[in-house]
Amino acid sequence: MGESEQTELLREILKWIRFSGIRQVRTVLMDILNTEQKRLIYNLSDGERGSIDIGKYAGVSHSTVTRYWDSWKRLGIVEPVPVRGGLRYRKLFELEDFGFSIPTIRTEEGQSEST
């Protein structure tokens, strides 16, 4: 079997694995991200923003954000991103791909802002 045939076979396997796991991922996300606040925090978890910034956007303390990150890491729905001074976390799934609406964040001026 040539390298391109192996690559095609791996792509086909990956396609079916993704398809078969979608329902389970959606169920886990629905169970865990059961409030707008949790969905907002998860959606903002891009590996770039820190827990303090995300907490401000979501109206919670940074320790609440880090507790969620720790829990979500154990469940396998975020991955750690090393940064100077510690870790941040990046979501592994886009909520829109699973039919979730994304809550908007409120700015200081009270206006809505897309995430």
PDB file of N, CA and C in Angstrom:
ATOM      1  N   MET A   1       0.858  -1.174   0.000  1.00  0.00           N
ATOM      2  CA  MET A   1       0.000   0.000   0.000  1.00  0.00           C
ATOM      3  C   MET A   1       0.901   1.233   0.000  1.00  0.00           C
ATOM      4  N   GLY A   2       0.702   2.124  -0.961  1.00  0.00           N
ATOM      5  CA  GLY A   2       1.495   3.339  -1.066  1.00  0.00           C
ATOM      6  C   GLY A   2       1.104   4.376  -0.021  1.00  0.00           C
ATOM      7  N   GLU A   3       1.968   5.376   0.128  1.00  0.00           N
ATOM      8  CA  GLU A   3       1.716   6.415   1.131  1.00  0.00           C
ATOM      9  C   GLU A   3       0.421   7.171   0.863  1.00  0.00           C
ATOM     10  N   SER A   4       0.127   7.473  -0.397  1.00  0.00           N
ATOM     11  CA  SER A   4      -1.108   8.204  -0.693  1.00  0.00           C
ATOM     12  C   SER A   4      -2.336   7.335  -0.410  1.00  0.00           C
ATOM     13  N   GLU A   5      -2.228   6.025  -0.634  1.00  0.00           N
ATOM     14  CA  GLU A   5      -3.337   5.131  -0.306  1.00  0.00           C
ATOM     15  C   GLU A   5      -3.551   5.071   1.204  1.00  0.00           C
ATOM     16  N   GLN A   6      -2.475   5.047   1.962  1.00  0.00           N
ATOM     17  CA  GLN A   6      -2.575   5.057   3.420  1.00  0.00           C
ATOM     18  C   GLN A   6      -3.204   6.351   3.911  1.00  0.00           C
ATOM     19  N   THR A   7      -2.801   7.461   3.320  1.00  0.00           N
ATOM     20  CA  THR A   7      -3.354   8.761   3.699  1.00  0.00           C
ATOM     21  C   THR A   7      -4.846   8.790   3.413  1.00  0.00           C
ATOM     22  N   GLU A   8      -5.254   8.308   2.272  1.00  0.00           N
ATOM     23  CA  GLU A   8      -6.681   8.275   1.926  1.00  0.00           C
ATOM     24  C   GLU A   8      -7.449   7.374   2.877  1.00  0.00           C
ATOM     25  N   LEU A   9      -6.873   6.232   3.224  1.00  0.00           N
ATOM     26  CA  LEU A   9      -7.518   5.326   4.161  1.00  0.00           C
ATOM     27  C   LEU A   9      -7.671   5.981   5.530  1.00  0.00           C
ATOM     28  N   LEU A  10      -6.640   6.672   5.999  1.00  0.00           N
ATOM     29  CA  LEU A  10      -6.714   7.373   7.273  1.00  0.00           C
ATOM     30  C   LEU A  10      -7.766   8.479   7.243  1.00  0.00           C
ATOM     31  N   ARG A  11      -7.874   9.179   6.133  1.00  0.00           N
ATOM     32  CA  ARG A  11      -8.908  10.209   5.996  1.00  0.00           C
ATOM     33  C   ARG A  11     -10.305   9.607   6.074  1.00  0.00           C
ATOM     34  N   GLU A  12     -10.485   8.487   5.434  1.00  0.00           N
ATOM     35  CA  GLU A  12     -11.781   7.806   5.458  1.00  0.00           C
ATOM     36  C   GLU A  12     -12.116   7.343   6.874  1.00  0.00           C
ATOM     37  N   ILE A  13     -11.149   6.770   7.570  1.00  0.00           N
ATOM     38  CA  ILE A  13     -11.363   6.334   8.957  1.00  0.00           C
ATOM     39  C   ILE A  13     -11.709   7.527   9.833  1.00  0.00           C
ATOM     40  N   LEU A  14     -10.975   8.621   9.680  1.00  0.00           N
ATOM     41  CA  LEU A  14     -11.224   9.817  10.469  1.00  0.00           C
ATOM     42  C   LEU A  14     -12.630  10.356  10.219  1.00  0.00           C
ATOM     43  N   LYS A  15     -13.069  10.354   8.977  1.00  0.00           N
ATOM     44  CA  LYS A  15     -14.411  10.823   8.640  1.00  0.00           C
ATOM     45  C   LYS A  15     -15.464  10.034   9.408  1.00  0.00           C
ATOM     46  N   TRP A  16     -15.326   8.723   9.457  1.00  0.00           N
ATOM     47  CA  TRP A  16     -16.312   7.887  10.139  1.00  0.00           C
ATOM     48  C   TRP A  16     -16.217   8.010  11.656  1.00  0.00           C
ATOM     49  N   ILE A  17     -15.029   8.176  12.167  1.00  0.00           N
ATOM     50  CA  ILE A  17     -14.880   8.371  13.615  1.00  0.00           C
ATOM     51  C   ILE A  17     -15.546   9.672  14.029  1.00  0.00           C
ATOM     52  N   ARG A  18     -15.305  10.743  13.284  1.00  0.00           N
ATOM     53  CA  ARG A  18     -15.959  12.021  13.580  1.00  0.00           C
ATOM     54  C   ARG A  18     -17.470  11.883  13.544  1.00  0.00           C
ATOM     55  N   PHE A  19     -17.958  11.255  12.502  1.00  0.00           N
ATOM     56  CA  PHE A  19     -19.401  11.088  12.350  1.00  0.00           C
ATOM     57  C   PHE A  19     -19.992  10.309  13.518  1.00  0.00           C
ATOM     58  N   SER A  20     -19.345   9.232  13.900  1.00  0.00           N
ATOM     59  CA  SER A  20     -19.888   8.401  14.969  1.00  0.00           C
ATOM     60  C   SER A  20     -19.804   9.067  16.337  1.00  0.00           C
ATOM     61  N   GLY A  21     -18.896  10.022  16.518  1.00  0.00           N
ATOM     62  CA  GLY A  21     -18.741  10.669  17.810  1.00  0.00           C
ATOM     63  C   GLY A  21     -19.545  11.941  18.004  1.00  0.00           C
ATOM     64  N   ILE A  22     -20.139  12.457  16.951  1.00  0.00           N
ATOM     65  CA  ILE A  22     -20.842  13.737  17.036  1.00  0.00           C
ATOM     66  C   ILE A  22     -21.951  13.702  18.080  1.00  0.00           C
ATOM     67  N   ARG A  23     -22.743  12.669  18.092  1.00  0.00           N
ATOM     68  CA  ARG A  23     -23.864  12.586  19.030  1.00  0.00           C
ATOM     69  C   ARG A  23     -23.369  12.568  20.478  1.00  0.00           C
ATOM     70  N   GLN A  24     -22.300  11.813  20.749  1.00  0.00           N
ATOM     71  CA  GLN A  24     -21.770  11.750  22.106  1.00  0.00           C
ATOM     72  C   GLN A  24     -21.200  13.095  22.536  1.00  0.00           C
ATOM     73  N   VAL A  25     -20.490  13.768  21.647  1.00  0.00           N
ATOM     74  CA  VAL A  25     -19.929  15.082  21.974  1.00  0.00           C
ATOM     75  C   VAL A  25     -21.053  16.066  22.264  1.00  0.00           C
ATOM     76  N   ARG A  26     -22.064  16.080  21.431  1.00  0.00           N
ATOM     77  CA  ARG A  26     -23.188  16.998  21.646  1.00  0.00           C
ATOM     78  C   ARG A  26     -23.853  16.735  22.996  1.00  0.00           C
ATOM     79  N   THR A  27     -24.039  15.475  23.348  1.00  0.00           N
ATOM     80  CA  THR A  27     -24.654  15.127  24.633  1.00  0.00           C
ATOM     81  C   THR A  27     -23.803  15.623  25.791  1.00  0.00           C
ATOM     82  N   VAL A  28     -22.510  15.397  25.724  1.00  0.00           N
ATOM     83  CA  VAL A  28     -21.615  15.867  26.790  1.00  0.00           C
ATOM     84  C   VAL A  28     -21.659  17.384  26.886  1.00  0.00           C
ATOM     85  N   LEU A  29     -21.576  18.066  25.753  1.00  0.00           N
ATOM     86  CA  LEU A  29     -21.610  19.530  25.774  1.00  0.00           C
ATOM     87  C   LEU A  29     -22.933  20.037  26.347  1.00  0.00           C
ATOM     88  N   MET A  30     -24.045  19.404  25.991  1.00  0.00           N
ATOM     89  CA  MET A  30     -25.349  19.826  26.513  1.00  0.00           C
ATOM     90  C   MET A  30     -25.412  19.651  28.031  1.00  0.00           C
ATOM     91  N   ASP A  31     -24.879  18.535  28.515  1.00  0.00           N
ATOM     92  CA  ASP A  31     -24.915  18.261  29.955  1.00  0.00           C
ATOM     93  C   ASP A  31     -24.007  19.204  30.734  1.00  0.00           C
ATOM     94  N   ILE A  32     -22.827  19.466  30.214  1.00  0.00           N
ATOM     95  CA  ILE A  32     -21.822  20.238  30.944  1.00  0.00           C
ATOM     96  C   ILE A  32     -22.031  21.743  30.793  1.00  0.00           C
ATOM     97  N   LEU A  33     -22.331  22.175  29.589  1.00  0.00           N
ATOM     98  CA  LEU A  33     -22.488  23.612  29.321  1.00  0.00           C
ATOM     99  C   LEU A  33     -23.970  23.966  29.397  1.00  0.00           C
ATOM    100  N   ASN A  34     -24.550  23.753  30.567  1.00  0.00           N
ATOM    101  CA  ASN A  34     -25.996  23.844  30.738  1.00  0.00           C
ATOM    102  C   ASN A  34     -26.498  25.235  31.128  1.00  0.00           C
ATOM    103  N   THR A  35     -25.629  26.232  31.095  1.00  0.00           N
ATOM    104  CA  THR A  35     -26.064  27.618  31.320  1.00  0.00           C
ATOM    105  C   THR A  35     -25.425  28.506  30.262  1.00  0.00           C
ATOM    106  N   GLU A  36     -26.029  29.664  30.045  1.00  0.00           N
ATOM    107  CA  GLU A  36     -25.438  30.621  29.097  1.00  0.00           C
ATOM    108  C   GLU A  36     -24.049  31.034  29.544  1.00  0.00           C
ATOM    109  N   GLN A  37     -23.883  31.205  30.850  1.00  0.00           N
ATOM    110  CA  GLN A  37     -22.602  31.634  31.387  1.00  0.00           C
ATOM    111  C   GLN A  37     -21.500  30.605  31.069  1.00  0.00           C
ATOM    112  N   LYS A  38     -21.783  29.330  31.260  1.00  0.00           N
ATOM    113  CA  LYS A  38     -20.798  28.293  30.953  1.00  0.00           C
ATOM    114  C   LYS A  38     -20.501  28.241  29.461  1.00  0.00           C
ATOM    115  N   ARG A  39     -21.546  28.386  28.636  1.00  0.00           N
ATOM    116  CA  ARG A  39     -21.322  28.390  27.185  1.00  0.00           C
ATOM    117  C   ARG A  39     -20.467  29.581  26.770  1.00  0.00           C
ATOM    118  N   LEU A  40     -20.701  30.727  27.392  1.00  0.00           N
ATOM    119  CA  LEU A  40     -19.910  31.909  27.071  1.00  0.00           C
ATOM    120  C   LEU A  40     -18.448  31.688  27.471  1.00  0.00           C
ATOM    121  N   ILE A  41     -18.228  31.192  28.668  1.00  0.00           N
ATOM    122  CA  ILE A  41     -16.858  30.943  29.128  1.00  0.00           C
ATOM    123  C   ILE A  41     -16.174  29.932  28.218  1.00  0.00           C
ATOM    124  N   TYR A  42     -16.877  28.860  27.870  1.00  0.00           N
ATOM    125  CA  TYR A  42     -16.299  27.856  26.975  1.00  0.00           C
ATOM    126  C   TYR A  42     -15.962  28.474  25.619  1.00  0.00           C
ATOM    127  N   ASN A  43     -16.888  29.238  25.080  1.00  0.00           N
ATOM    128  CA  ASN A  43     -16.669  29.838  23.765  1.00  0.00           C
ATOM    129  C   ASN A  43     -15.494  30.810  23.772  1.00  0.00           C
ATOM    130  N   LEU A  44     -15.312  31.533  24.866  1.00  0.00           N
ATOM    131  CA  LEU A  44     -14.204  32.484  24.965  1.00  0.00           C
ATOM    132  C   LEU A  44     -12.867  31.811  25.237  1.00  0.00           C
ATOM    133  N   SER A  45     -12.890  30.547  25.588  1.00  0.00           N
ATOM    134  CA  SER A  45     -11.660  29.807  25.901  1.00  0.00           C
ATOM    135  C   SER A  45     -10.948  29.434  24.607  1.00  0.00           C
ATOM    136  N   ASP A  46     -10.148  30.368  24.128  1.00  0.00           N
ATOM    137  CA  ASP A  46      -9.476  30.206  22.843  1.00  0.00           C
ATOM    138  C   ASP A  46      -7.961  30.039  22.988  1.00  0.00           C
ATOM    139  N   GLY A  47      -7.476  29.969  24.221  1.00  0.00           N
ATOM    140  CA  GLY A  47      -6.042  29.853  24.446  1.00  0.00           C
ATOM    141  C   GLY A  47      -5.322  31.183  24.431  1.00  0.00           C
ATOM    142  N   GLU A  48      -5.999  32.206  23.968  1.00  0.00           N
ATOM    143  CA  GLU A  48      -5.431  33.557  23.913  1.00  0.00           C
ATOM    144  C   GLU A  48      -5.838  34.371  25.134  1.00  0.00           C
ATOM    145  N   ARG A  49      -7.077  34.246  25.521  1.00  0.00           N
ATOM    146  CA  ARG A  49      -7.592  35.007  26.660  1.00  0.00           C
ATOM    147  C   ARG A  49      -7.282  34.283  27.965  1.00  0.00           C
ATOM    148  N   GLY A  50      -6.982  35.064  28.990  1.00  0.00           N
ATOM    149  CA  GLY A  50      -6.736  34.502  30.304  1.00  0.00           C
ATOM    150  C   GLY A  50      -8.013  34.422  31.122  1.00  0.00           C
ATOM    151  N   SER A  51      -7.914  33.769  32.271  1.00  0.00           N
ATOM    152  CA  SER A  51      -9.089  33.568  33.122  1.00  0.00           C
ATOM    153  C   SER A  51      -9.639  34.886  33.659  1.00  0.00           C
ATOM    154  N   ILE A  52      -8.775  35.871  33.878  1.00  0.00           N
ATOM    155  CA  ILE A  52      -9.252  37.166  34.384  1.00  0.00           C
ATOM    156  C   ILE A  52     -10.120  37.853  33.337  1.00  0.00           C
ATOM    157  N   ASP A  53      -9.636  37.904  32.095  1.00  0.00           N
ATOM    158  CA  ASP A  53     -10.411  38.540  31.019  1.00  0.00           C
ATOM    159  C   ASP A  53     -11.731  37.810  30.779  1.00  0.00           C
ATOM    160  N   ILE A  54     -11.680  36.496  30.706  1.00  0.00           N
ATOM    161  CA  ILE A  54     -12.900  35.727  30.468  1.00  0.00           C
ATOM    162  C   ILE A  54     -13.881  35.930  31.617  1.00  0.00           C
ATOM    163  N   GLY A  55     -13.370  35.935  32.830  1.00  0.00           N
ATOM    164  CA  GLY A  55     -14.226  36.163  33.993  1.00  0.00           C
ATOM    165  C   GLY A  55     -14.935  37.503  33.926  1.00  0.00           C
ATOM    166  N   LYS A  56     -14.221  38.532  33.494  1.00  0.00           N
ATOM    167  CA  LYS A  56     -14.842  39.857  33.360  1.00  0.00           C
ATOM    168  C   LYS A  56     -15.967  39.825  32.334  1.00  0.00           C
ATOM    169  N   TYR A  57     -15.723  39.200  31.186  1.00  0.00           N
ATOM    170  CA  TYR A  57     -16.757  39.117  30.152  1.00  0.00           C
ATOM    171  C   TYR A  57     -17.975  38.328  30.625  1.00  0.00           C
ATOM    172  N   ALA A  58     -17.726  37.290  31.419  1.00  0.00           N
ATOM    173  CA  ALA A  58     -18.822  36.412  31.844  1.00  0.00           C
ATOM    174  C   ALA A  58     -19.442  36.830  33.170  1.00  0.00           C
ATOM    175  N   GLY A  59     -18.835  37.801  33.849  1.00  0.00           N
ATOM    176  CA  GLY A  59     -19.379  38.262  35.120  1.00  0.00           C
ATOM    177  C   GLY A  59     -19.111  37.310  36.276  1.00  0.00           C
ATOM    178  N   VAL A  60     -17.968  36.607  36.218  1.00  0.00           N
ATOM    179  CA  VAL A  60     -17.578  35.693  37.293  1.00  0.00           C
ATOM    180  C   VAL A  60     -16.125  35.967  37.673  1.00  0.00           C
ATOM    181  N   SER A  61     -15.690  35.373  38.764  1.00  0.00           N
ATOM    182  CA  SER A  61     -14.296  35.521  39.183  1.00  0.00           C
ATOM    183  C   SER A  61     -13.393  34.652  38.304  1.00  0.00           C
ATOM    184  N   HIS A  62     -12.112  35.008  38.282  1.00  0.00           N
ATOM    185  CA  HIS A  62     -11.179  34.203  37.486  1.00  0.00           C
ATOM    186  C   HIS A  62     -11.047  32.796  38.074  1.00  0.00           C
ATOM    187  N   SER A  63     -11.262  32.649  39.384  1.00  0.00           N
ATOM    188  CA  SER A  63     -11.175  31.310  39.981  1.00  0.00           C
ATOM    189  C   SER A  63     -12.327  30.417  39.515  1.00  0.00           C
ATOM    190  N   THR A  64     -13.479  31.009  39.236  1.00  0.00           N
ATOM    191  CA  THR A  64     -14.589  30.236  38.673  1.00  0.00           C
ATOM    192  C   THR A  64     -14.210  29.726  37.293  1.00  0.00           C
ATOM    193  N   VAL A  65     -13.598  30.587  36.491  1.00  0.00           N
ATOM    194  CA  VAL A  65     -13.154  30.183  35.149  1.00  0.00           C
ATOM    195  C   VAL A  65     -12.145  29.044  35.261  1.00  0.00           C
ATOM    196  N   THR A  66     -11.166  29.169  36.153  1.00  0.00           N
ATOM    197  CA  THR A  66     -10.149  28.114  36.265  1.00  0.00           C
ATOM    198  C   THR A  66     -10.751  26.806  36.791  1.00  0.00           C
ATOM    199  N   ARG A  67     -11.761  26.892  37.655  1.00  0.00           N
ATOM    200  CA  ARG A  67     -12.438  25.664  38.109  1.00  0.00           C
ATOM    201  C   ARG A  67     -13.143  24.973  36.941  1.00  0.00           C
ATOM    202  N   TYR A  68     -13.812  25.782  36.114  1.00  0.00           N
ATOM    203  CA  TYR A  68     -14.447  25.193  34.926  1.00  0.00           C
ATOM    204  C   TYR A  68     -13.388  24.570  34.026  1.00  0.00           C
ATOM    205  N   TRP A  69     -12.297  25.272  33.776  1.00  0.00           N
ATOM    206  CA  TRP A  69     -11.235  24.735  32.923  1.00  0.00           C
ATOM    207  C   TRP A  69     -10.727  23.400  33.457  1.00  0.00           C
ATOM    208  N   ASP A  70     -10.496  23.322  34.762  1.00  0.00           N
ATOM    209  CA  ASP A  70     -10.011  22.063  35.348  1.00  0.00           C
ATOM    210  C   ASP A  70     -11.010  20.931  35.114  1.00  0.00           C
ATOM    211  N   SER A  71     -12.278  21.216  35.323  1.00  0.00           N
ATOM    212  CA  SER A  71     -13.317  20.220  35.115  1.00  0.00           C
ATOM    213  C   SER A  71     -13.393  19.804  33.649  1.00  0.00           C
ATOM    214  N   TRP A  72     -13.374  20.783  32.767  1.00  0.00           N
ATOM    215  CA  TRP A  72     -13.473  20.510  31.332  1.00  0.00           C
ATOM    216  C   TRP A  72     -12.247  19.770  30.814  1.00  0.00           C
ATOM    217  N   LYS A  73     -11.087  20.041  31.402  1.00  0.00           N
ATOM    218  CA  LYS A  73      -9.873  19.322  31.004  1.00  0.00           C
ATOM    219  C   LYS A  73     -10.039  17.834  31.309  1.00  0.00           C
ATOM    220  N   ARG A  74     -10.566  17.513  32.488  1.00  0.00           N
ATOM    221  CA  ARG A  74     -10.780  16.111  32.851  1.00  0.00           C
ATOM    222  C   ARG A  74     -11.770  15.426  31.911  1.00  0.00           C
ATOM    223  N   LEU A  75     -12.726  16.185  31.409  1.00  0.00           N
ATOM    224  CA  LEU A  75     -13.716  15.632  30.476  1.00  0.00           C
ATOM    225  C   LEU A  75     -13.202  15.559  29.043  1.00  0.00           C
ATOM    226  N   GLY A  76     -12.101  16.255  28.763  1.00  0.00           N
ATOM    227  CA  GLY A  76     -11.523  16.214  27.424  1.00  0.00           C
ATOM    228  C   GLY A  76     -12.159  17.151  26.429  1.00  0.00           C
ATOM    229  N   ILE A  77     -12.763  18.259  26.902  1.00  0.00           N
ATOM    230  CA  ILE A  77     -13.385  19.190  25.951  1.00  0.00           C
ATOM    231  C   ILE A  77     -12.573  20.477  25.799  1.00  0.00           C
ATOM    232  N   VAL A  78     -11.467  20.601  26.544  1.00  0.00           N
ATOM    233  CA  VAL A  78     -10.504  21.690  26.354  1.00  0.00           C
ATOM    234  C   VAL A  78      -9.103  21.091  26.395  1.00  0.00           C
ATOM    235  N   GLU A  79      -8.140  21.842  25.840  1.00  0.00           N
ATOM    236  CA  GLU A  79      -6.749  21.412  25.910  1.00  0.00           C
ATOM    237  C   GLU A  79      -5.908  22.543  26.488  1.00  0.00           C
ATOM    238  N   PRO A  80      -4.865  22.189  27.254  1.00  0.00           N
ATOM    239  CA  PRO A  80      -4.031  23.221  27.859  1.00  0.00           C
ATOM    240  C   PRO A  80      -3.156  23.909  26.822  1.00  0.00           C
ATOM    241  N   VAL A  81      -2.933  25.197  27.053  1.00  0.00           N
ATOM    242  CA  VAL A  81      -2.039  25.995  26.225  1.00  0.00           C
ATOM    243  C   VAL A  81      -1.034  26.643  27.177  1.00  0.00           C
ATOM    244  N   PRO A  82       0.239  26.218  27.123  1.00  0.00           N
ATOM    245  CA  PRO A  82       1.216  26.824  28.023  1.00  0.00           C
ATOM    246  C   PRO A  82       1.468  28.282  27.650  1.00  0.00           C
ATOM    247  N   VAL A  83       1.454  29.134  28.656  1.00  0.00           N
ATOM    248  CA  VAL A  83       1.773  30.547  28.477  1.00  0.00           C
ATOM    249  C   VAL A  83       2.706  30.949  29.615  1.00  0.00           C
ATOM    250  N   ARG A  84       3.350  32.046  29.416  1.00  0.00           N
ATOM    251  CA  ARG A  84       4.234  32.541  30.463  1.00  0.00           C
ATOM    252  C   ARG A  84       3.416  32.740  31.744  1.00  0.00           C
ATOM    253  N   GLY A  85       3.829  32.079  32.794  1.00  0.00           N
ATOM    254  CA  GLY A  85       3.123  32.213  34.057  1.00  0.00           C
ATOM    255  C   GLY A  85       2.069  31.158  34.314  1.00  0.00           C
ATOM    256  N   GLY A  86       1.896  30.194  33.432  1.00  0.00           N
ATOM    257  CA  GLY A  86       0.901  29.154  33.703  1.00  0.00           C
ATOM    258  C   GLY A  86       0.299  28.537  32.469  1.00  0.00           C
ATOM    259  N   LEU A  87      -0.972  28.219  32.599  1.00  0.00           N
ATOM    260  CA  LEU A  87      -1.710  27.573  31.511  1.00  0.00           C
ATOM    261  C   LEU A  87      -2.989  28.338  31.233  1.00  0.00           C
ATOM    262  N   ARG A  88      -3.359  28.332  29.987  1.00  0.00           N
ATOM    263  CA  ARG A  88      -4.689  28.737  29.558  1.00  0.00           C
ATOM    264  C   ARG A  88      -5.284  27.526  28.876  1.00  0.00           C
ATOM    265  N   TYR A  89      -6.542  27.629  28.515  1.00  0.00           N
ATOM    266  CA  TYR A  89      -7.180  26.487  27.876  1.00  0.00           C
ATOM    267  C   TYR A  89      -7.892  26.907  26.602  1.00  0.00           C
ATOM    268  N   ARG A  90      -7.902  25.962  25.659  1.00  0.00           N
ATOM    269  CA  ARG A  90      -8.527  26.187  24.354  1.00  0.00           C
ATOM    270  C   ARG A  90      -9.625  25.141  24.173  1.00  0.00           C
ATOM    271  N   LYS A  91     -10.783  25.606  23.782  1.00  0.00           N
ATOM    272  CA  LYS A  91     -11.906  24.698  23.515  1.00  0.00           C
ATOM    273  C   LYS A  91     -11.540  23.783  22.348  1.00  0.00           C
ATOM    274  N   LEU A  92     -12.042  22.578  22.387  1.00  0.00           N
ATOM    275  CA  LEU A  92     -11.779  21.628  21.315  1.00  0.00           C
ATOM    276  C   LEU A  92     -12.899  21.574  20.292  1.00  0.00           C
ATOM    277  N   PHE A  93     -14.039  22.148  20.646  1.00  0.00           N
ATOM    278  CA  PHE A  93     -15.195  22.082  19.757  1.00  0.00           C
ATOM    279  C   PHE A  93     -15.808  23.463  19.597  1.00  0.00           C
ATOM    280  N   GLU A  94     -16.279  23.757  18.419  1.00  0.00           N
ATOM    281  CA  GLU A  94     -17.019  24.986  18.162  1.00  0.00           C
ATOM    282  C   GLU A  94     -18.482  24.717  18.467  1.00  0.00           C
ATOM    283  N   LEU A  95     -19.045  25.493  19.361  1.00  0.00           N
ATOM    284  CA  LEU A  95     -20.422  25.251  19.794  1.00  0.00           C
ATOM    285  C   LEU A  95     -21.424  25.352  18.648  1.00  0.00           C
ATOM    286  N   GLU A  96     -21.170  26.248  17.709  1.00  0.00           N
ATOM    287  CA  GLU A  96     -22.073  26.401  16.565  1.00  0.00           C
ATOM    288  C   GLU A  96     -22.181  25.113  15.764  1.00  0.00           C
ATOM    289  N   ASP A  97     -21.093  24.318  15.723  1.00  0.00           N
ATOM    290  CA  ASP A  97     -21.102  23.064  14.967  1.00  0.00           C
ATOM    291  C   ASP A  97     -22.073  22.042  15.555  1.00  0.00           C
ATOM    292  N   PHE A  98     -22.481  22.257  16.807  1.00  0.00           N
ATOM    293  CA  PHE A  98     -23.376  21.327  17.485  1.00  0.00           C
ATOM    294  C   PHE A  98     -24.738  21.938  17.774  1.00  0.00           C
ATOM    295  N   GLY A  99     -25.022  23.076  17.115  1.00  0.00           N
ATOM    296  CA  GLY A  99     -26.337  23.688  17.211  1.00  0.00           C
ATOM    297  C   GLY A  99     -26.561  24.576  18.429  1.00  0.00           C
ATOM    298  N   PHE A 100     -25.499  24.938  19.129  1.00  0.00           N
ATOM    299  CA  PHE A 100     -25.640  25.812  20.292  1.00  0.00           C
ATOM    300  C   PHE A 100     -25.618  27.270  19.858  1.00  0.00           C
ATOM    301  N   SER A 101     -26.435  28.072  20.513  1.00  0.00           N
ATOM    302  CA  SER A 101     -26.341  29.511  20.297  1.00  0.00           C
ATOM    303  C   SER A 101     -25.250  30.032  21.224  1.00  0.00           C
ATOM    304  N   ILE A 102     -24.580  31.062  20.783  1.00  0.00           N
ATOM    305  CA  ILE A 102     -23.485  31.634  21.553  1.00  0.00           C
ATOM    306  C   ILE A 102     -23.989  32.899  22.234  1.00  0.00           C
ATOM    307  N   PRO A 103     -23.906  32.934  23.560  1.00  0.00           N
ATOM    308  CA  PRO A 103     -24.331  34.151  24.264  1.00  0.00           C
ATOM    309  C   PRO A 103     -23.423  35.322  23.892  1.00  0.00           C
ATOM    310  N   THR A 104     -23.994  36.506  23.914  1.00  0.00           N
ATOM    311  CA  THR A 104     -23.186  37.692  23.648  1.00  0.00           C
ATOM    312  C   THR A 104     -22.615  38.216  24.953  1.00  0.00           C
ATOM    313  N   ILE A 105     -21.479  38.890  24.836  1.00  0.00           N
ATOM    314  CA  ILE A 105     -20.868  39.471  26.027  1.00  0.00           C
ATOM    315  C   ILE A 105     -21.307  40.920  26.139  1.00  0.00           C
ATOM    316  N   ARG A 106     -21.288  41.399  27.339  1.00  0.00           N
ATOM    317  CA  ARG A 106     -21.651  42.792  27.602  1.00  0.00           C
ATOM    318  C   ARG A 106     -20.398  43.589  27.818  1.00  0.00           C
ATOM    319  N   THR A 107     -20.318  44.722  27.150  1.00  0.00           N
ATOM    320  CA  THR A 107     -19.181  45.618  27.347  1.00  0.00           C
ATOM    321  C   THR A 107     -19.488  46.543  28.500  1.00  0.00           C
ATOM    322  N   GLU A 108     -18.494  47.317  28.905  1.00  0.00           N
ATOM    323  CA  GLU A 108     -18.654  48.268  29.998  1.00  0.00           C
ATOM    324  C   GLU A 108     -19.800  49.237  29.732  1.00  0.00           C
ATOM    325  N   GLU A 109     -19.994  49.600  28.474  1.00  0.00           N
ATOM    326  CA  GLU A 109     -21.020  50.559  28.115  1.00  0.00           C
ATOM    327  C   GLU A 109     -22.401  49.918  28.025  1.00  0.00           C
ATOM    328  N   GLY A 110     -22.485  48.611  28.271  1.00  0.00           N
ATOM    329  CA  GLY A 110     -23.783  47.935  28.249  1.00  0.00           C
ATOM    330  C   GLY A 110     -24.213  47.478  26.870  1.00  0.00           C
ATOM    331  N   GLN A 111     -23.334  47.579  25.889  1.00  0.00           N
ATOM    332  CA  GLN A 111     -23.684  47.142  24.544  1.00  0.00           C
ATOM    333  C   GLN A 111     -23.293  45.689  24.356  1.00  0.00           C
ATOM    334  N   SER A 112     -24.037  44.988  23.511  1.00  0.00           N
ATOM    335  CA  SER A 112     -23.714  43.604  23.221  1.00  0.00           C
ATOM    336  C   SER A 112     -22.546  43.557  22.259  1.00  0.00           C
ATOM    337  N   GLU A 113     -21.763  42.501  22.406  1.00  0.00           N
ATOM    338  CA  GLU A 113     -20.616  42.308  21.538  1.00  0.00           C
ATOM    339  C   GLU A 113     -20.546  40.827  21.186  1.00  0.00           C
ATOM    340  N   SER A 114     -20.294  40.516  19.934  1.00  0.00           N
ATOM    341  CA  SER A 114     -20.173  39.116  19.518  1.00  0.00           C
ATOM    342  C   SER A 114     -18.852  38.571  20.027  1.00  0.00           C
ATOM    343  N   THR A 115     -18.840  37.230  20.256  1.00  0.00           N
ATOM    344  CA  THR A 115     -17.603  36.590  20.738  1.00  0.00           C
ATOM    345  C   THR A 115     -16.804  36.067  19.614  1.00  0.00           C
TER     346      THR A 115
END
